[in-house]
Amino acid sequence: LLYRVLLASTNVGDVVVDPFSGSGTTAAVAKKLGRHFIGIER
C-alpha cells in the first residue's frame, strides 16, 4: 500500500513525514525507494 502511495506522489530524495509511525511501514518503504523519511511515534 505504501509502495503505491510513495511511488505515485513522491520522487527520489523527497521528504515524507508520518505523524503516526507505528511499526514503521512508511519509513521502511521510503528508505527502500530512496526517499527521506521522518517518523513520529509516541
Full PDB file with SEQRES, HELIX, SHEET, SSBOND, CRYST1, ORIGX, SCALE, CONECT and MASTER records, all heavy atoms in Angstrom:
SEQRES   1 A   42  LEU LEU TYR ARG VAL LEU LEU ALA SER THR ASN VAL GLY          
SEQRES   2 A   42  ASP VAL VAL VAL ASP PRO PHE SER GLY SER GLY THR THR          
SEQRES   3 A   42  ALA ALA VAL ALA LYS LYS LEU GLY ARG HIS PHE ILE GLY          
SEQRES   4 A   42  ILE GLU ARG                                                  
HELIX    1 AA1 LEU A    2  SER A    9  1                                   8    
HELIX    2 AA2 THR A   25  LYS A   32  1                                   8    
SHEET    1 AA1 2 VAL A  15  ASP A  18  0                                        
SHEET    2 AA1 2 HIS A  36  GLY A  39  1                                        
CRYST1    1.000    1.000    1.000  90.00  90.00  90.00 P 1           1          
ORIGX1      1.000000  0.000000  0.000000        0.00000                         
ORIGX2      0.000000  1.000000  0.000000        0.00000                         
ORIGX3      0.000000  0.000000  1.000000        0.00000                         
SCALE1      1.000000  0.000000  0.000000        0.00000                         
SCALE2      0.000000  1.000000  0.000000        0.00000                         
SCALE3      0.000000  0.000000  1.000000        0.00000                         
ATOM      1  N   LEU A   1       0.831  -1.205   0.000  1.00  0.00           N  
ATOM      2  CA  LEU A   1       0.000   0.000   0.000  1.00  0.00           C  
ATOM      3  C   LEU A   1       0.861   1.250   0.000  1.00  0.00           C  
ATOM      4  O   LEU A   1       0.645   2.180  -0.790  1.00  0.00           O  
ATOM      5  CB  LEU A   1      -0.917  -0.018   1.222  1.00  0.00           C  
ATOM      6  CG  LEU A   1      -1.911   1.140   1.336  1.00  0.00           C  
ATOM      7  CD1 LEU A   1      -2.978   1.040   0.252  1.00  0.00           C  
ATOM      8  CD2 LEU A   1      -2.568   1.153   2.716  1.00  0.00           C  
ATOM      9  N   LEU A   2       1.878   1.277   0.864  1.00  0.00           N  
ATOM     10  CA  LEU A   2       2.766   2.443   0.923  1.00  0.00           C  
ATOM     11  C   LEU A   2       3.641   2.536  -0.312  1.00  0.00           C  
ATOM     12  O   LEU A   2       4.000   3.641  -0.759  1.00  0.00           O  
ATOM     13  CB  LEU A   2       3.622   2.390   2.190  1.00  0.00           C  
ATOM     14  CG  LEU A   2       3.026   3.042   3.442  1.00  0.00           C  
ATOM     15  CD1 LEU A   2       2.816   4.537   3.218  1.00  0.00           C  
ATOM     16  CD2 LEU A   2       1.706   2.410   3.851  1.00  0.00           C  
ATOM     17  N   TYR A   3       4.005   1.409  -0.881  1.00  0.00           N  
ATOM     18  CA  TYR A   3       4.783   1.400  -2.124  1.00  0.00           C  
ATOM     19  C   TYR A   3       4.037   2.159  -3.210  1.00  0.00           C  
ATOM     20  O   TYR A   3       4.594   3.011  -3.909  1.00  0.00           O  
ATOM     21  CB  TYR A   3       5.004  -0.054  -2.550  1.00  0.00           C  
ATOM     22  CG  TYR A   3       5.955  -0.266  -3.711  1.00  0.00           C  
ATOM     23  CD1 TYR A   3       7.282  -0.621  -3.484  1.00  0.00           C  
ATOM     24  CD2 TYR A   3       5.532  -0.144  -5.028  1.00  0.00           C  
ATOM     25  CE1 TYR A   3       8.159  -0.841  -4.541  1.00  0.00           C  
ATOM     26  CE2 TYR A   3       6.390  -0.347  -6.087  1.00  0.00           C  
ATOM     27  CZ  TYR A   3       7.705  -0.709  -5.841  1.00  0.00           C  
ATOM     28  OH  TYR A   3       8.565  -0.914  -6.903  1.00  0.00           O  
ATOM     29  N   ARG A   4       2.750   1.879  -3.326  1.00  0.00           N  
ATOM     30  CA  ARG A   4       1.947   2.534  -4.360  1.00  0.00           C  
ATOM     31  C   ARG A   4       1.784   4.023  -4.065  1.00  0.00           C  
ATOM     32  O   ARG A   4       1.890   4.859  -4.973  1.00  0.00           O  
ATOM     33  CB  ARG A   4       0.586   1.841  -4.464  1.00  0.00           C  
ATOM     34  CG  ARG A   4      -0.205   2.233  -5.674  1.00  0.00           C  
ATOM     35  CD  ARG A   4      -1.433   1.355  -5.870  1.00  0.00           C  
ATOM     36  NE  ARG A   4      -1.101  -0.014  -6.238  1.00  0.00           N  
ATOM     37  CZ  ARG A   4      -1.988  -0.920  -6.647  1.00  0.00           C  
ATOM     38  NH1 ARG A   4      -3.269  -0.582  -6.734  1.00  0.00           N  
ATOM     39  NH2 ARG A   4      -1.611  -2.137  -6.962  1.00  0.00           N  
ATOM     40  N   VAL A   5       1.533   4.361  -2.809  1.00  0.00           N  
ATOM     41  CA  VAL A   5       1.359   5.766  -2.426  1.00  0.00           C  
ATOM     42  C   VAL A   5       2.623   6.578  -2.710  1.00  0.00           C  
ATOM     43  O   VAL A   5       2.574   7.646  -3.331  1.00  0.00           O  
ATOM     44  CB  VAL A   5       0.977   5.875  -0.936  1.00  0.00           C  
ATOM     45  CG1 VAL A   5       1.120   7.308  -0.435  1.00  0.00           C  
ATOM     46  CG2 VAL A   5      -0.446   5.370  -0.716  1.00  0.00           C  
ATOM     47  N   LEU A   6       3.768   6.072  -2.261  1.00  0.00           N  
ATOM     48  CA  LEU A   6       5.012   6.839  -2.407  1.00  0.00           C  
ATOM     49  C   LEU A   6       5.492   6.873  -3.850  1.00  0.00           C  
ATOM     50  O   LEU A   6       6.038   7.883  -4.307  1.00  0.00           O  
ATOM     51  CB  LEU A   6       6.096   6.261  -1.498  1.00  0.00           C  
ATOM     52  CG  LEU A   6       5.818   6.327   0.008  1.00  0.00           C  
ATOM     53  CD1 LEU A   6       7.055   5.900   0.797  1.00  0.00           C  
ATOM     54  CD2 LEU A   6       5.366   7.716   0.428  1.00  0.00           C  
ATOM     55  N   LEU A   7       5.307   5.783  -4.577  1.00  0.00           N  
ATOM     56  CA  LEU A   7       5.708   5.777  -5.981  1.00  0.00           C  
ATOM     57  C   LEU A   7       4.861   6.758  -6.788  1.00  0.00           C  
ATOM     58  O   LEU A   7       5.347   7.410  -7.705  1.00  0.00           O  
ATOM     59  CB  LEU A   7       5.573   4.370  -6.560  1.00  0.00           C  
ATOM     60  CG  LEU A   7       6.234   4.129  -7.922  1.00  0.00           C  
ATOM     61  CD1 LEU A   7       7.749   4.282  -7.817  1.00  0.00           C  
ATOM     62  CD2 LEU A   7       5.881   2.745  -8.453  1.00  0.00           C  
ATOM     63  N   ALA A   8       3.594   6.880  -6.415  1.00  0.00           N  
ATOM     64  CA  ALA A   8       2.683   7.765  -7.145  1.00  0.00           C  
ATOM     65  C   ALA A   8       2.942   9.235  -6.876  1.00  0.00           C  
ATOM     66  O   ALA A   8       2.839  10.068  -7.776  1.00  0.00           O  
ATOM     67  CB  ALA A   8       1.240   7.431  -6.783  1.00  0.00           C  
ATOM     68  N   SER A   9       3.283   9.589  -5.639  1.00  0.00           N  
ATOM     69  CA  SER A   9       3.212  11.001  -5.246  1.00  0.00           C  
ATOM     70  C   SER A   9       4.486  11.561  -4.630  1.00  0.00           C  
ATOM     71  O   SER A   9       4.443  12.633  -4.018  1.00  0.00           O  
ATOM     72  CB  SER A   9       2.036  11.196  -4.275  1.00  0.00           C  
ATOM     73  OG  SER A   9       2.116  10.289  -3.193  1.00  0.00           O  
ATOM     74  N   THR A  10       5.602  10.873  -4.782  1.00  0.00           N  
ATOM     75  CA  THR A  10       6.893  11.433  -4.371  1.00  0.00           C  
ATOM     76  C   THR A  10       7.954  11.075  -5.389  1.00  0.00           C  
ATOM     77  O   THR A  10       7.759  10.201  -6.246  1.00  0.00           O  
ATOM     78  CB  THR A  10       7.351  10.894  -2.990  1.00  0.00           C  
ATOM     79  OG1 THR A  10       7.533   9.469  -3.069  1.00  0.00           O  
ATOM     80  CG2 THR A  10       6.352  11.216  -1.907  1.00  0.00           C  
ATOM     81  N   ASN A  11       9.090  11.743  -5.280  1.00  0.00           N  
ATOM     82  CA  ASN A  11      10.243  11.480  -6.127  1.00  0.00           C  
ATOM     83  C   ASN A  11      11.448  11.121  -5.261  1.00  0.00           C  
ATOM     84  O   ASN A  11      11.456  11.380  -4.050  1.00  0.00           O  
ATOM     85  CB  ASN A  11      10.574  12.719  -6.972  1.00  0.00           C  
ATOM     86  CG  ASN A  11       9.424  13.104  -7.880  1.00  0.00           C  
ATOM     87  OD1 ASN A  11       8.878  12.274  -8.587  1.00  0.00           O  
ATOM     88  ND2 ASN A  11       9.036  14.377  -7.833  1.00  0.00           N  
ATOM     89  N   VAL A  12      12.444  10.535  -5.869  1.00  0.00           N  
ATOM     90  CA  VAL A  12      13.676  10.197  -5.155  1.00  0.00           C  
ATOM     91  C   VAL A  12      14.221  11.450  -4.472  1.00  0.00           C  
ATOM     92  O   VAL A  12      14.307  12.518  -5.075  1.00  0.00           O  
ATOM     93  CB  VAL A  12      14.717   9.616  -6.122  1.00  0.00           C  
ATOM     94  CG1 VAL A  12      16.060   9.421  -5.414  1.00  0.00           C  
ATOM     95  CG2 VAL A  12      14.223   8.293  -6.708  1.00  0.00           C  
ATOM     96  N   GLY A  13      14.559  11.323  -3.202  1.00  0.00           N  
ATOM     97  CA  GLY A  13      15.104  12.453  -2.447  1.00  0.00           C  
ATOM     98  C   GLY A  13      14.071  13.294  -1.735  1.00  0.00           C  
ATOM     99  O   GLY A  13      14.425  14.158  -0.926  1.00  0.00           O  
ATOM    100  N   ASP A  14      12.777  13.072  -1.997  1.00  0.00           N  
ATOM    101  CA  ASP A  14      11.731  13.822  -1.303  1.00  0.00           C  
ATOM    102  C   ASP A  14      11.679  13.441   0.179  1.00  0.00           C  
ATOM    103  O   ASP A  14      12.140  12.374   0.574  1.00  0.00           O  
ATOM    104  CB  ASP A  14      10.369  13.542  -1.937  1.00  0.00           C  
ATOM    105  CG  ASP A  14      10.117  14.359  -3.198  1.00  0.00           C  
ATOM    106  OD1 ASP A  14      10.990  15.182  -3.559  1.00  0.00           O  
ATOM    107  OD2 ASP A  14       9.061  14.176  -3.823  1.00  0.00           O  
ATOM    108  N   VAL A  15      11.071  14.326   0.965  1.00  0.00           N  
ATOM    109  CA  VAL A  15      10.932  14.101   2.403  1.00  0.00           C  
ATOM    110  C   VAL A  15       9.484  13.741   2.722  1.00  0.00           C  
ATOM    111  O   VAL A  15       8.562  14.496   2.403  1.00  0.00           O  
ATOM    112  CB  VAL A  15      11.346  15.347   3.215  1.00  0.00           C  
ATOM    113  CG1 VAL A  15      11.149  15.102   4.703  1.00  0.00           C  
ATOM    114  CG2 VAL A  15      12.797  15.707   2.916  1.00  0.00           C  
ATOM    115  N   VAL A  16       9.302  12.573   3.343  1.00  0.00           N  
ATOM    116  CA  VAL A  16       7.977  12.077   3.703  1.00  0.00           C  
ATOM    117  C   VAL A  16       7.859  12.039   5.225  1.00  0.00           C  
ATOM    118  O   VAL A  16       8.718  11.467   5.898  1.00  0.00           O  
ATOM    119  CB  VAL A  16       7.746  10.661   3.137  1.00  0.00           C  
ATOM    120  CG1 VAL A  16       6.356  10.165   3.502  1.00  0.00           C  
ATOM    121  CG2 VAL A  16       7.952  10.638   1.632  1.00  0.00           C  
ATOM    122  N   VAL A  17       6.803  12.633   5.758  1.00  0.00           N  
ATOM    123  CA  VAL A  17       6.555  12.630   7.197  1.00  0.00           C  
ATOM    124  C   VAL A  17       5.368  11.735   7.506  1.00  0.00           C  
ATOM    125  O   VAL A  17       4.319  11.835   6.856  1.00  0.00           O  
ATOM    126  CB  VAL A  17       6.285  14.053   7.719  1.00  0.00           C  
ATOM    127  CG1 VAL A  17       5.813  14.010   9.167  1.00  0.00           C  
ATOM    128  CG2 VAL A  17       7.529  14.902   7.618  1.00  0.00           C  
ATOM    129  N   ASP A  18       5.538  10.861   8.492  1.00  0.00           N  
ATOM    130  CA  ASP A  18       4.440  10.032   9.001  1.00  0.00           C  
ATOM    131  C   ASP A  18       4.241  10.398  10.467  1.00  0.00           C  
ATOM    132  O   ASP A  18       5.044  10.027  11.325  1.00  0.00           O  
ATOM    133  CB  ASP A  18       4.787   8.552   8.855  1.00  0.00           C  
ATOM    134  CG  ASP A  18       3.625   7.642   9.250  1.00  0.00           C  
ATOM    135  OD1 ASP A  18       2.735   8.106   9.976  1.00  0.00           O  
ATOM    136  OD2 ASP A  18       3.630   6.471   8.826  1.00  0.00           O  
ATOM    137  N   PRO A  19       3.174  11.135  10.789  1.00  0.00           N  
ATOM    138  CA  PRO A  19       2.966  11.588  12.173  1.00  0.00           C  
ATOM    139  C   PRO A  19       2.579  10.472  13.136  1.00  0.00           C  
ATOM    140  O   PRO A  19       2.576  10.693  14.349  1.00  0.00           O  
ATOM    141  CB  PRO A  19       1.817  12.597  12.041  1.00  0.00           C  
ATOM    142  CG  PRO A  19       1.700  12.900  10.585  1.00  0.00           C  
ATOM    143  CD  PRO A  19       2.157  11.674   9.878  1.00  0.00           C  
ATOM    144  N   PHE A  20       2.202   9.308  12.611  1.00  0.00           N  
ATOM    145  CA  PHE A  20       1.790   8.180  13.455  1.00  0.00           C  
ATOM    146  C   PHE A  20       2.524   6.942  12.937  1.00  0.00           C  
ATOM    147  O   PHE A  20       1.934   6.054  12.322  1.00  0.00           O  
ATOM    148  CB  PHE A  20       0.275   8.000  13.396  1.00  0.00           C  
ATOM    149  CG  PHE A  20      -0.484   9.289  13.647  1.00  0.00           C  
ATOM    150  CD1 PHE A  20      -0.935  10.066  12.598  1.00  0.00           C  
ATOM    151  CD2 PHE A  20      -0.712   9.732  14.945  1.00  0.00           C  
ATOM    152  CE1 PHE A  20      -1.617  11.253  12.824  1.00  0.00           C  
ATOM    153  CE2 PHE A  20      -1.394  10.915  15.187  1.00  0.00           C  
ATOM    154  CZ  PHE A  20      -1.836  11.687  14.119  1.00  0.00           C  
ATOM    155  N   SER A  21       3.800   6.899  13.186  1.00  0.00           N  
ATOM    156  CA  SER A  21       4.702   5.968  12.507  1.00  0.00           C  
ATOM    157  C   SER A  21       4.438   4.511  12.826  1.00  0.00           C  
ATOM    158  O   SER A  21       4.633   3.637  11.979  1.00  0.00           O  
ATOM    159  CB  SER A  21       6.154   6.321  12.870  1.00  0.00           C  
ATOM    160  OG  SER A  21       7.056   5.474  12.218  1.00  0.00           O  
ATOM    161  N   GLY A  22       4.012   4.204  14.066  1.00  0.00           N  
ATOM    162  CA  GLY A  22       3.703   2.826  14.424  1.00  0.00           C  
ATOM    163  C   GLY A  22       4.867   1.885  14.192  1.00  0.00           C  
ATOM    164  O   GLY A  22       5.987   2.116  14.661  1.00  0.00           O  
ATOM    165  N   SER A  23       4.627   0.832  13.434  1.00  0.00           N  
ATOM    166  CA  SER A  23       5.663  -0.176  13.184  1.00  0.00           C  
ATOM    167  C   SER A  23       6.651   0.222  12.096  1.00  0.00           C  
ATOM    168  O   SER A  23       7.548  -0.546  11.765  1.00  0.00           O  
ATOM    169  CB  SER A  23       5.011  -1.511  12.827  1.00  0.00           C  
ATOM    170  OG  SER A  23       4.234  -1.370  11.642  1.00  0.00           O  
ATOM    171  N   GLY A  24       6.479   1.427  11.520  1.00  0.00           N  
ATOM    172  CA  GLY A  24       7.480   1.955  10.593  1.00  0.00           C  
ATOM    173  C   GLY A  24       7.325   1.560   9.137  1.00  0.00           C  
ATOM    174  O   GLY A  24       8.293   1.593   8.378  1.00  0.00           O  
ATOM    175  N   THR A  25       6.106   1.238   8.709  1.00  0.00           N  
ATOM    176  CA  THR A  25       5.917   0.833   7.310  1.00  0.00           C  
ATOM    177  C   THR A  25       6.268   1.961   6.350  1.00  0.00           C  
ATOM    178  O   THR A  25       6.953   1.747   5.342  1.00  0.00           O  
ATOM    179  CB  THR A  25       4.467   0.373   7.069  1.00  0.00           C  
ATOM    180  OG1 THR A  25       4.168  -0.718   7.943  1.00  0.00           O  
ATOM    181  CG2 THR A  25       4.276  -0.076   5.636  1.00  0.00           C  
ATOM    182  N   THR A  26       5.814   3.179   6.640  1.00  0.00           N  
ATOM    183  CA  THR A  26       6.121   4.314   5.764  1.00  0.00           C  
ATOM    184  C   THR A  26       7.626   4.519   5.672  1.00  0.00           C  
ATOM    185  O   THR A  26       8.181   4.703   4.586  1.00  0.00           O  
ATOM    186  CB  THR A  26       5.449   5.593   6.275  1.00  0.00           C  
ATOM    187  OG1 THR A  26       4.042   5.377   6.376  1.00  0.00           O  
ATOM    188  CG2 THR A  26       5.726   6.760   5.334  1.00  0.00           C  
ATOM    189  N   ALA A  27       8.300   4.482   6.802  1.00  0.00           N  
ATOM    190  CA  ALA A  27       9.756   4.678   6.828  1.00  0.00           C  
ATOM    191  C   ALA A  27      10.465   3.579   6.049  1.00  0.00           C  
ATOM    192  O   ALA A  27      11.409   3.843   5.292  1.00  0.00           O  
ATOM    193  CB  ALA A  27      10.250   4.708   8.268  1.00  0.00           C  
ATOM    194  N   ALA A  28      10.025   2.342   6.215  1.00  0.00           N  
ATOM    195  CA  ALA A  28      10.663   1.213   5.542  1.00  0.00           C  
ATOM    196  C   ALA A  28      10.555   1.338   4.028  1.00  0.00           C  
ATOM    197  O   ALA A  28      11.537   1.158   3.293  1.00  0.00           O  
ATOM    198  CB  ALA A  28      10.043  -0.099   6.012  1.00  0.00           C  
ATOM    199  N   VAL A  29       9.361   1.666   3.539  1.00  0.00           N  
ATOM    200  CA  VAL A  29       9.162   1.788   2.094  1.00  0.00           C  
ATOM    201  C   VAL A  29       9.874   3.026   1.557  1.00  0.00           C  
ATOM    202  O   VAL A  29      10.452   3.008   0.465  1.00  0.00           O  
ATOM    203  CB  VAL A  29       7.661   1.822   1.754  1.00  0.00           C  
ATOM    204  CG1 VAL A  29       7.453   2.029   0.257  1.00  0.00           C  
ATOM    205  CG2 VAL A  29       6.995   0.522   2.200  1.00  0.00           C  
ATOM    206  N   ALA A  30       9.863   4.114   2.325  1.00  0.00           N  
ATOM    207  CA  ALA A  30      10.573   5.320   1.907  1.00  0.00           C  
ATOM    208  C   ALA A  30      12.066   5.044   1.746  1.00  0.00           C  
ATOM    209  O   ALA A  30      12.692   5.453   0.767  1.00  0.00           O  
ATOM    210  CB  ALA A  30      10.340   6.444   2.912  1.00  0.00           C  
ATOM    211  N   LYS A  31      12.645   4.361   2.705  1.00  0.00           N  
ATOM    212  CA  LYS A  31      14.065   4.030   2.625  1.00  0.00           C  
ATOM    213  C   LYS A  31      14.350   3.167   1.403  1.00  0.00           C  
ATOM    214  O   LYS A  31      15.313   3.403   0.660  1.00  0.00           O  
ATOM    215  CB  LYS A  31      14.510   3.307   3.894  1.00  0.00           C  
ATOM    216  CG  LYS A  31      16.007   2.950   3.901  1.00  0.00           C  
ATOM    217  CD  LYS A  31      16.402   2.251   5.199  1.00  0.00           C  
ATOM    218  CE  LYS A  31      17.893   1.857   5.167  1.00  0.00           C  
ATOM    219  NZ  LYS A  31      18.297   1.162   6.417  1.00  0.00           N  
ATOM    220  N   LYS A  32      13.517   2.180   1.180  1.00  0.00           N  
ATOM    221  CA  LYS A  32      13.695   1.283   0.035  1.00  0.00           C  
ATOM    222  C   LYS A  32      13.638   2.045  -1.287  1.00  0.00           C  
ATOM    223  O   LYS A  32      14.400   1.773  -2.220  1.00  0.00           O  
ATOM    224  CB  LYS A  32      12.602   0.202   0.063  1.00  0.00           C  
ATOM    225  CG  LYS A  32      12.753  -0.889  -0.967  1.00  0.00           C  
ATOM    226  CD  LYS A  32      11.619  -1.896  -0.861  1.00  0.00           C  
ATOM    227  CE  LYS A  32      11.616  -2.615   0.473  1.00  0.00           C  
ATOM    228  NZ  LYS A  32      10.551  -3.651   0.556  1.00  0.00           N  
ATOM    229  N   LEU A  33      12.735   3.041  -1.363  1.00  0.00           N  
ATOM    230  CA  LEU A  33      12.518   3.783  -2.603  1.00  0.00           C  
ATOM    231  C   LEU A  33      13.372   5.051  -2.710  1.00  0.00           C  
ATOM    232  O   LEU A  33      13.128   5.872  -3.593  1.00  0.00           O  
ATOM    233  CB  LEU A  33      11.038   4.155  -2.734  1.00  0.00           C  
ATOM    234  CG  LEU A  33      10.069   2.984  -2.922  1.00  0.00           C  
ATOM    235  CD1 LEU A  33       8.636   3.490  -2.994  1.00  0.00           C  
ATOM    236  CD2 LEU A  33      10.408   2.190  -4.178  1.00  0.00           C  
ATOM    237  N   GLY A  34      14.326   5.218  -1.825  1.00  0.00           N  
ATOM    238  CA  GLY A  34      15.225   6.360  -1.949  1.00  0.00           C  
ATOM    239  C   GLY A  34      14.626   7.687  -1.545  1.00  0.00           C  
ATOM    240  O   GLY A  34      15.099   8.747  -1.965  1.00  0.00           O  
ATOM    241  N   ARG A  35      13.593   7.665  -0.709  1.00  0.00           N  
ATOM    242  CA  ARG A  35      13.015   8.888  -0.168  1.00  0.00           C  
ATOM    243  C   ARG A  35      13.513   9.077   1.267  1.00  0.00           C  
ATOM    244  O   ARG A  35      13.808   8.109   1.962  1.00  0.00           O  
ATOM    245  CB  ARG A  35      11.484   8.811  -0.133  1.00  0.00           C  
ATOM    246  CG  ARG A  35      10.775   9.111  -1.456  1.00  0.00           C  
ATOM    247  CD  ARG A  35      10.991   8.085  -2.514  1.00  0.00           C  
ATOM    248  NE  ARG A  35      10.051   8.271  -3.631  1.00  0.00           N  
ATOM    249  CZ  ARG A  35      10.216   7.758  -4.827  1.00  0.00           C  
ATOM    250  NH1 ARG A  35      11.286   7.017  -5.097  1.00  0.00           N  
ATOM    251  NH2 ARG A  35       9.326   7.970  -5.783  1.00  0.00           N  
ATOM    252  N   HIS A  36      13.578  10.329   1.717  1.00  0.00           N  
ATOM    253  CA  HIS A  36      13.869  10.601   3.126  1.00  0.00           C  
ATOM    254  C   HIS A  36      12.576  10.458   3.920  1.00  0.00           C  
ATOM    255  O   HIS A  36      11.481  10.727   3.410  1.00  0.00           O  
ATOM    256  CB  HIS A  36      14.417  12.012   3.303  1.00  0.00           C  
ATOM    257  CG  HIS A  36      15.763  12.226   2.693  1.00  0.00           C  
ATOM    258  ND1 HIS A  36      16.903  11.616   3.171  1.00  0.00           N  
ATOM    259  CD2 HIS A  36      16.147  12.997   1.636  1.00  0.00           C  
ATOM    260  CE1 HIS A  36      17.937  11.991   2.441  1.00  0.00           C  
ATOM    261  NE2 HIS A  36      17.514  12.820   1.503  1.00  0.00           N  
ATOM    262  N   PHE A  37      12.700  10.057   5.167  1.00  0.00           N  
ATOM    263  CA  PHE A  37      11.515   9.915   5.999  1.00  0.00           C  
ATOM    264  C   PHE A  37      11.745  10.562   7.356  1.00  0.00           C  
ATOM    265  O   PHE A  37      12.870  10.696   7.833  1.00  0.00           O  
ATOM    266  CB  PHE A  37      11.149   8.435   6.192  1.00  0.00           C  
ATOM    267  CG  PHE A  37      12.185   7.632   6.935  1.00  0.00           C  
ATOM    268  CD1 PHE A  37      12.198   7.580   8.328  1.00  0.00           C  
ATOM    269  CD2 PHE A  37      13.161   6.928   6.242  1.00  0.00           C  
ATOM    270  CE1 PHE A  37      13.160   6.844   9.013  1.00  0.00           C  
ATOM    271  CE2 PHE A  37      14.133   6.187   6.917  1.00  0.00           C  
ATOM    272  CZ  PHE A  37      14.129   6.147   8.299  1.00  0.00           C  
ATOM    273  N   ILE A  38      10.644  10.986   7.950  1.00  0.00           N  
ATOM    274  CA  ILE A  38      10.608  11.412   9.347  1.00  0.00           C  
ATOM    275  C   ILE A  38       9.403  10.724   9.968  1.00  0.00           C  
ATOM    276  O   ILE A  38       8.261  11.010   9.602  1.00  0.00           O  
ATOM    277  CB  ILE A  38      10.463  12.941   9.496  1.00  0.00           C  
ATOM    278  CG1 ILE A  38      11.610  13.670   8.793  1.00  0.00           C  
ATOM    279  CG2 ILE A  38      10.410  13.330  10.972  1.00  0.00           C  
ATOM    280  CD1 ILE A  38      11.406  15.172   8.705  1.00  0.00           C  
ATOM    281  N   GLY A  39       9.656   9.802  10.863  1.00  0.00           N  
ATOM    282  CA  GLY A  39       8.576   9.139  11.571  1.00  0.00           C  
ATOM    283  C   GLY A  39       8.379   9.793  12.929  1.00  0.00           C  
ATOM    284  O   GLY A  39       9.346  10.225  13.567  1.00  0.00           O  
ATOM    285  N   ILE A  40       7.153   9.901  13.353  1.00  0.00           N  
ATOM    286  CA  ILE A  40       6.831  10.443  14.675  1.00  0.00           C  
ATOM    287  C   ILE A  40       6.015   9.389  15.419  1.00  0.00           C  
ATOM    288  O   ILE A  40       5.014   8.894  14.901  1.00  0.00           O  
ATOM    289  CB  ILE A  40       6.024  11.751  14.579  1.00  0.00           C  
ATOM    290  CG1 ILE A  40       6.775  12.786  13.726  1.00  0.00           C  
ATOM    291  CG2 ILE A  40       5.735  12.311  15.968  1.00  0.00           C  
ATOM    292  CD1 ILE A  40       5.950  14.035  13.412  1.00  0.00           C  
ATOM    293  N   GLU A  41       6.478   9.016  16.602  1.00  0.00           N  
ATOM    294  CA  GLU A  41       5.809   7.952  17.345  1.00  0.00           C  
ATOM    295  C   GLU A  41       5.926   8.195  18.835  1.00  0.00           C  
ATOM    296  O   GLU A  41       6.996   8.528  19.330  1.00  0.00           O  
ATOM    297  CB  GLU A  41       6.405   6.590  16.976  1.00  0.00           C  
ATOM    298  CG  GLU A  41       5.822   5.415  17.718  1.00  0.00           C  
ATOM    299  CD  GLU A  41       4.309   5.364  17.646  1.00  0.00           C  
ATOM    300  OE1 GLU A  41       3.757   5.419  16.526  1.00  0.00           O  
ATOM    301  OE2 GLU A  41       3.677   5.285  18.724  1.00  0.00           O  
ATOM    302  N   ARG A  42       4.821   8.014  19.524  1.00  0.00           N  
ATOM    303  CA  ARG A  42       4.777   8.258  20.967  1.00  0.00           C  
ATOM    304  C   ARG A  42       5.284   7.067  21.769  1.00  0.00           C  
ATOM    305  O   ARG A  42       5.908   7.221  22.815  1.00  0.00           O  
ATOM    306  CB  ARG A  42       3.336   8.579  21.367  1.00  0.00           C  
ATOM    307  CG  ARG A  42       3.166   9.087  22.783  1.00  0.00           C  
ATOM    308  CD  ARG A  42       1.733   9.489  23.028  1.00  0.00           C  
ATOM    309  NE  ARG A  42       0.811   8.355  22.904  1.00  0.00           N  
ATOM    310  CZ  ARG A  42      -0.514   8.471  22.999  1.00  0.00           C  
ATOM    311  NH1 ARG A  42      -1.061   9.656  23.177  1.00  0.00           N  
ATOM    312  NH2 ARG A  42      -1.273   7.395  22.900  1.00  0.00           N  
TER     313      ARG A  42                                                      
MASTER        0    0    0    2    2    0    0    6  312    1    0    4          
END                                                                             
